[in-house]
Amino acid sequence: MSQASDHSTDQASNYSAGQASNHSFASSEQLTFTDISLTIWNQFKQIFNQIITENNYTLEEMCFSVAIDIRLLGENIKKATVQGFYERNIKKKNGYISTLDQI
């Protein structure tokens, strides 16, 4: 699991560097919250799938690994929540929501 954690840290660093270079473009365009949340979700899913492939994890193993990593950072999250986010199917009190905009 620490391999996935180290790899995801590297991915996050690469993402931050890319964000800095894209900052001037983003400021010149008016982005909506929907555009931003979809971009974040797509990048999350791309990194998530890459780590699954590289480590030969199942979806369940990867979701558990992410949940553990988040807990180690001091937050509380369940494996099912990570999987729901990955599948864009988050349970809400009054039903299911399918977009990040509603989370």
N, C-alpha and C. Protein backbone atom coordinates (compact mmCIF):
# COMPACT_ATOMS: atom_id res chain seq x y z
N MET A 1 0.82 -1.19 0.00
CA MET A 1 0.00 0.00 0.00
C MET A 1 0.86 1.25 0.00
N SER A 2 2.06 1.16 0.60
CA SER A 2 2.90 2.34 0.62
C SER A 2 3.40 2.67 -0.78
N GLN A 3 3.54 1.64 -1.65
CA GLN A 3 3.92 1.91 -3.04
C GLN A 3 2.89 2.80 -3.69
N ALA A 4 1.63 2.49 -3.51
CA ALA A 4 0.56 3.30 -4.10
C ALA A 4 0.60 4.70 -3.51
N SER A 5 0.88 4.79 -2.22
CA SER A 5 0.93 6.09 -1.58
C SER A 5 2.07 6.93 -2.13
N ASP A 6 3.27 6.32 -2.26
CA ASP A 6 4.41 7.04 -2.81
C ASP A 6 4.14 7.46 -4.24
N HIS A 7 3.56 6.56 -5.02
CA HIS A 7 3.27 6.85 -6.42
C HIS A 7 2.23 7.95 -6.55
N SER A 8 1.21 7.90 -5.70
CA SER A 8 0.18 8.93 -5.78
C SER A 8 0.73 10.28 -5.35
N THR A 9 1.71 10.30 -4.43
CA THR A 9 2.34 11.54 -4.03
C THR A 9 3.10 12.14 -5.21
N ASP A 10 3.84 11.28 -5.95
CA ASP A 10 4.55 11.74 -7.14
C ASP A 10 3.57 12.30 -8.16
N GLN A 11 2.44 11.61 -8.35
CA GLN A 11 1.43 12.07 -9.30
C GLN A 11 0.88 13.42 -8.87
N ALA A 12 0.65 13.59 -7.57
CA ALA A 12 0.12 14.86 -7.08
C ALA A 12 1.12 15.98 -7.31
N SER A 13 2.43 15.71 -7.13
CA SER A 13 3.45 16.72 -7.39
C SER A 13 3.46 17.11 -8.85
N ASN A 14 3.37 16.11 -9.73
CA ASN A 14 3.33 16.39 -11.16
C ASN A 14 2.10 17.21 -11.51
N TYR A 15 0.99 16.89 -10.89
CA TYR A 15 -0.26 17.61 -11.16
C TYR A 15 -0.12 19.07 -10.72
N SER A 16 0.49 19.31 -9.54
CA SER A 16 0.67 20.67 -9.05
C SER A 16 1.53 21.49 -10.00
N ALA A 17 2.59 20.90 -10.53
CA ALA A 17 3.45 21.60 -11.47
C ALA A 17 2.69 21.96 -12.73
N GLY A 18 1.86 21.06 -13.20
CA GLY A 18 1.05 21.32 -14.39
C GLY A 18 0.03 22.41 -14.13
N GLN A 19 -0.51 22.44 -12.93
CA GLN A 19 -1.50 23.47 -12.58
C GLN A 19 -0.88 24.86 -12.64
N ALA A 20 0.37 24.98 -12.17
CA ALA A 20 1.02 26.29 -12.19
C ALA A 20 1.18 26.80 -13.61
N SER A 21 1.54 25.92 -14.54
CA SER A 21 1.71 26.34 -15.92
C SER A 21 0.39 26.66 -16.60
N ASN A 22 -0.69 26.08 -16.12
CA ASN A 22 -2.00 26.32 -16.71
C ASN A 22 -2.74 27.49 -16.06
N HIS A 23 -2.17 28.07 -15.02
CA HIS A 23 -2.87 29.12 -14.27
C HIS A 23 -3.22 30.32 -15.15
N SER A 24 -2.30 30.76 -16.00
CA SER A 24 -2.59 31.93 -16.82
C SER A 24 -3.71 31.64 -17.81
N PHE A 25 -3.76 30.42 -18.33
CA PHE A 25 -4.83 30.06 -19.25
C PHE A 25 -6.17 30.07 -18.52
N ALA A 26 -6.19 29.49 -17.33
CA ALA A 26 -7.44 29.40 -16.57
C ALA A 26 -7.97 30.78 -16.21
N SER A 27 -7.07 31.69 -15.90
CA SER A 27 -7.53 33.02 -15.52
C SER A 27 -8.11 33.79 -16.70
N SER A 28 -7.70 33.43 -17.92
CA SER A 28 -8.22 34.13 -19.08
C SER A 28 -9.55 33.56 -19.56
N GLU A 29 -9.92 32.41 -19.08
CA GLU A 29 -11.17 31.76 -19.45
C GLU A 29 -12.09 31.73 -18.24
N GLN A 30 -13.37 31.87 -18.46
CA GLN A 30 -14.31 31.76 -17.36
C GLN A 30 -14.73 30.30 -17.24
N LEU A 31 -14.33 29.67 -16.15
CA LEU A 31 -14.65 28.27 -15.93
C LEU A 31 -15.80 28.17 -14.95
N THR A 32 -16.65 27.19 -15.18
CA THR A 32 -17.74 26.96 -14.24
C THR A 32 -17.31 25.91 -13.24
N PHE A 33 -18.04 25.83 -12.14
CA PHE A 33 -17.76 24.81 -11.14
C PHE A 33 -17.89 23.42 -11.75
N THR A 34 -18.84 23.24 -12.64
CA THR A 34 -19.03 21.94 -13.30
C THR A 34 -17.79 21.55 -14.08
N ASP A 35 -17.22 22.48 -14.83
CA ASP A 35 -16.01 22.20 -15.60
C ASP A 35 -14.86 21.81 -14.69
N ILE A 36 -14.69 22.55 -13.61
CA ILE A 36 -13.59 22.29 -12.69
C ILE A 36 -13.77 20.95 -12.00
N SER A 37 -14.96 20.66 -11.51
CA SER A 37 -15.17 19.40 -10.79
C SER A 37 -15.02 18.21 -11.72
N LEU A 38 -15.46 18.33 -12.96
CA LEU A 38 -15.30 17.24 -13.90
C LEU A 38 -13.83 17.02 -14.24
N THR A 39 -13.08 18.10 -14.35
CA THR A 39 -11.64 17.99 -14.61
C THR A 39 -10.95 17.29 -13.45
N ILE A 40 -11.28 17.67 -12.23
CA ILE A 40 -10.69 17.03 -11.05
C ILE A 40 -11.04 15.55 -11.02
N TRP A 41 -12.29 15.22 -11.27
CA TRP A 41 -12.70 13.82 -11.24
C TRP A 41 -11.98 13.03 -12.33
N ASN A 42 -11.87 13.58 -13.53
CA ASN A 42 -11.18 12.89 -14.62
C ASN A 42 -9.72 12.65 -14.29
N GLN A 43 -9.05 13.64 -13.69
CA GLN A 43 -7.65 13.47 -13.31
C GLN A 43 -7.52 12.44 -12.19
N PHE A 44 -8.43 12.48 -11.23
CA PHE A 44 -8.43 11.48 -10.16
C PHE A 44 -8.55 10.08 -10.76
N LYS A 45 -9.51 9.90 -11.66
CA LYS A 45 -9.76 8.59 -12.23
C LYS A 45 -8.57 8.11 -13.07
N GLN A 46 -7.93 9.02 -13.79
CA GLN A 46 -6.76 8.65 -14.59
C GLN A 46 -5.62 8.17 -13.69
N ILE A 47 -5.32 8.89 -12.63
CA ILE A 47 -4.26 8.49 -11.70
C ILE A 47 -4.65 7.20 -10.99
N PHE A 48 -5.88 7.11 -10.55
CA PHE A 48 -6.40 5.92 -9.87
C PHE A 48 -6.22 4.68 -10.74
N ASN A 49 -6.65 4.77 -12.01
CA ASN A 49 -6.55 3.64 -12.94
C ASN A 49 -5.10 3.28 -13.23
N GLN A 50 -4.24 4.28 -13.31
CA GLN A 50 -2.82 4.02 -13.56
C GLN A 50 -2.21 3.23 -12.41
N ILE A 51 -2.53 3.61 -11.18
CA ILE A 51 -2.00 2.91 -10.01
C ILE A 51 -2.57 1.49 -9.93
N ILE A 52 -3.85 1.32 -10.25
CA ILE A 52 -4.45 -0.02 -10.27
C ILE A 52 -3.68 -0.91 -11.24
N THR A 53 -3.42 -0.41 -12.43
CA THR A 53 -2.73 -1.19 -13.46
C THR A 53 -1.30 -1.51 -13.05
N GLU A 54 -0.57 -0.50 -12.60
CA GLU A 54 0.84 -0.69 -12.24
C GLU A 54 1.02 -1.66 -11.08
N ASN A 55 0.09 -1.69 -10.15
CA ASN A 55 0.22 -2.54 -8.96
C ASN A 55 -0.64 -3.79 -9.01
N ASN A 56 -1.36 -3.96 -10.12
CA ASN A 56 -2.23 -5.12 -10.30
C ASN A 56 -3.24 -5.25 -9.15
N TYR A 57 -3.80 -4.10 -8.74
CA TYR A 57 -4.82 -4.08 -7.69
C TYR A 57 -6.20 -4.34 -8.30
N THR A 58 -7.08 -4.85 -7.46
CA THR A 58 -8.50 -4.86 -7.83
C THR A 58 -9.06 -3.49 -7.45
N LEU A 59 -10.26 -3.20 -7.92
CA LEU A 59 -10.89 -1.93 -7.56
C LEU A 59 -11.06 -1.84 -6.05
N GLU A 60 -11.47 -2.93 -5.44
CA GLU A 60 -11.68 -2.95 -3.99
C GLU A 60 -10.38 -2.69 -3.24
N GLU A 61 -9.28 -3.32 -3.67
CA GLU A 61 -7.98 -3.10 -3.02
C GLU A 61 -7.54 -1.64 -3.15
N MET A 62 -7.75 -1.07 -4.31
CA MET A 62 -7.33 0.31 -4.53
C MET A 62 -8.16 1.27 -3.69
N CYS A 63 -9.46 1.05 -3.63
CA CYS A 63 -10.32 1.91 -2.82
C CYS A 63 -9.93 1.83 -1.35
N PHE A 64 -9.60 0.63 -0.89
CA PHE A 64 -9.17 0.44 0.49
C PHE A 64 -7.85 1.18 0.73
N SER A 65 -6.91 1.07 -0.22
CA SER A 65 -5.62 1.73 -0.11
C SER A 65 -5.79 3.25 -0.01
N VAL A 66 -6.64 3.82 -0.84
CA VAL A 66 -6.89 5.26 -0.81
C VAL A 66 -7.52 5.66 0.52
N ALA A 67 -8.47 4.88 1.00
CA ALA A 67 -9.12 5.18 2.28
C ALA A 67 -8.09 5.16 3.42
N ILE A 68 -7.19 4.18 3.41
CA ILE A 68 -6.15 4.10 4.44
C ILE A 68 -5.23 5.32 4.35
N ASP A 69 -4.81 5.67 3.13
CA ASP A 69 -3.94 6.84 2.96
C ASP A 69 -4.61 8.12 3.48
N ILE A 70 -5.88 8.28 3.22
CA ILE A 70 -6.61 9.46 3.70
C ILE A 70 -6.70 9.44 5.22
N ARG A 71 -6.92 8.27 5.79
CA ARG A 71 -6.98 8.16 7.26
C ARG A 71 -5.63 8.50 7.88
N LEU A 72 -4.54 8.09 7.22
CA LEU A 72 -3.20 8.40 7.73
C LEU A 72 -2.94 9.91 7.72
N LEU A 73 -3.65 10.62 6.89
CA LEU A 73 -3.54 12.08 6.84
C LEU A 73 -4.43 12.76 7.88
N GLY A 74 -5.17 11.95 8.66
CA GLY A 74 -5.98 12.49 9.73
C GLY A 74 -7.45 12.66 9.42
N GLU A 75 -7.87 12.26 8.25
CA GLU A 75 -9.28 12.38 7.88
C GLU A 75 -9.95 11.02 7.99
N ASN A 76 -11.26 10.99 7.96
CA ASN A 76 -12.00 9.74 8.07
C ASN A 76 -12.83 9.54 6.81
N ILE A 77 -12.63 8.42 6.16
CA ILE A 77 -13.38 8.08 4.95
C ILE A 77 -13.49 6.57 4.87
N LYS A 78 -14.57 6.10 4.31
CA LYS A 78 -14.78 4.67 4.14
C LYS A 78 -14.41 4.25 2.73
N LYS A 79 -14.04 2.99 2.59
CA LYS A 79 -13.72 2.43 1.28
C LYS A 79 -14.88 2.61 0.32
N ALA A 80 -16.09 2.43 0.81
CA ALA A 80 -17.29 2.56 -0.04
C ALA A 80 -17.45 3.98 -0.57
N THR A 81 -17.03 4.97 0.21
CA THR A 81 -17.11 6.36 -0.25
C THR A 81 -16.12 6.61 -1.38
N VAL A 82 -14.91 6.06 -1.24
CA VAL A 82 -13.91 6.20 -2.30
C VAL A 82 -14.43 5.54 -3.57
N GLN A 83 -14.98 4.34 -3.44
CA GLN A 83 -15.51 3.64 -4.61
C GLN A 83 -16.68 4.41 -5.22
N GLY A 84 -17.54 4.97 -4.39
CA GLY A 84 -18.65 5.76 -4.90
C GLY A 84 -18.17 6.98 -5.67
N PHE A 85 -17.12 7.63 -5.16
CA PHE A 85 -16.54 8.78 -5.85
C PHE A 85 -15.96 8.34 -7.19
N TYR A 86 -15.22 7.23 -7.18
CA TYR A 86 -14.62 6.70 -8.41
C TYR A 86 -15.69 6.41 -9.46
N GLU A 87 -16.80 5.85 -9.01
CA GLU A 87 -17.89 5.48 -9.92
C GLU A 87 -18.87 6.63 -10.14
N ARG A 88 -18.61 7.77 -9.50
CA ARG A 88 -19.49 8.95 -9.58
C ARG A 88 -20.91 8.58 -9.13
N ASN A 89 -20.97 7.83 -8.07
CA ASN A 89 -22.25 7.38 -7.53
C ASN A 89 -22.19 7.50 -6.01
N ILE A 90 -22.39 8.70 -5.53
CA ILE A 90 -22.29 8.97 -4.10
C ILE A 90 -23.69 8.96 -3.49
N LYS A 91 -23.84 8.23 -2.41
CA LYS A 91 -25.15 8.15 -1.75
C LYS A 91 -25.35 9.39 -0.88
N LYS A 92 -26.49 9.99 -1.03
CA LYS A 92 -26.89 11.15 -0.25
C LYS A 92 -28.14 10.75 0.54
N LYS A 93 -28.45 11.44 1.59
CA LYS A 93 -29.59 11.07 2.43
C LYS A 93 -30.87 10.88 1.64
N ASN A 94 -31.11 11.74 0.67
CA ASN A 94 -32.38 11.65 -0.07
C ASN A 94 -32.24 10.91 -1.40
N GLY A 95 -31.20 10.12 -1.56
CA GLY A 95 -31.04 9.36 -2.80
C GLY A 95 -29.61 9.41 -3.29
N TYR A 96 -29.42 9.07 -4.54
CA TYR A 96 -28.09 9.04 -5.12
C TYR A 96 -27.85 10.28 -5.96
N ILE A 97 -26.62 10.74 -5.95
CA ILE A 97 -26.23 11.85 -6.81
C ILE A 97 -25.11 11.35 -7.71
N SER A 98 -25.01 11.89 -8.89
CA SER A 98 -24.04 11.35 -9.83
C SER A 98 -22.99 12.34 -10.29
N THR A 99 -22.99 13.56 -9.80
CA THR A 99 -21.98 14.51 -10.20
C THR A 99 -21.30 15.11 -8.99
N LEU A 100 -20.07 15.54 -9.18
CA LEU A 100 -19.32 16.16 -8.10
C LEU A 100 -19.94 17.48 -7.68
N ASP A 101 -20.62 18.13 -8.59
CA ASP A 101 -21.22 19.43 -8.29
C ASP A 101 -22.22 19.34 -7.15
N GLN A 102 -22.82 18.18 -6.96
CA GLN A 102 -23.85 18.03 -5.94
C GLN A 102 -23.31 17.51 -4.62
N ILE A 103 -22.03 17.17 -4.58
CA ILE A 103 -21.44 16.61 -3.35
C ILE A 103 -21.28 17.70 -2.31
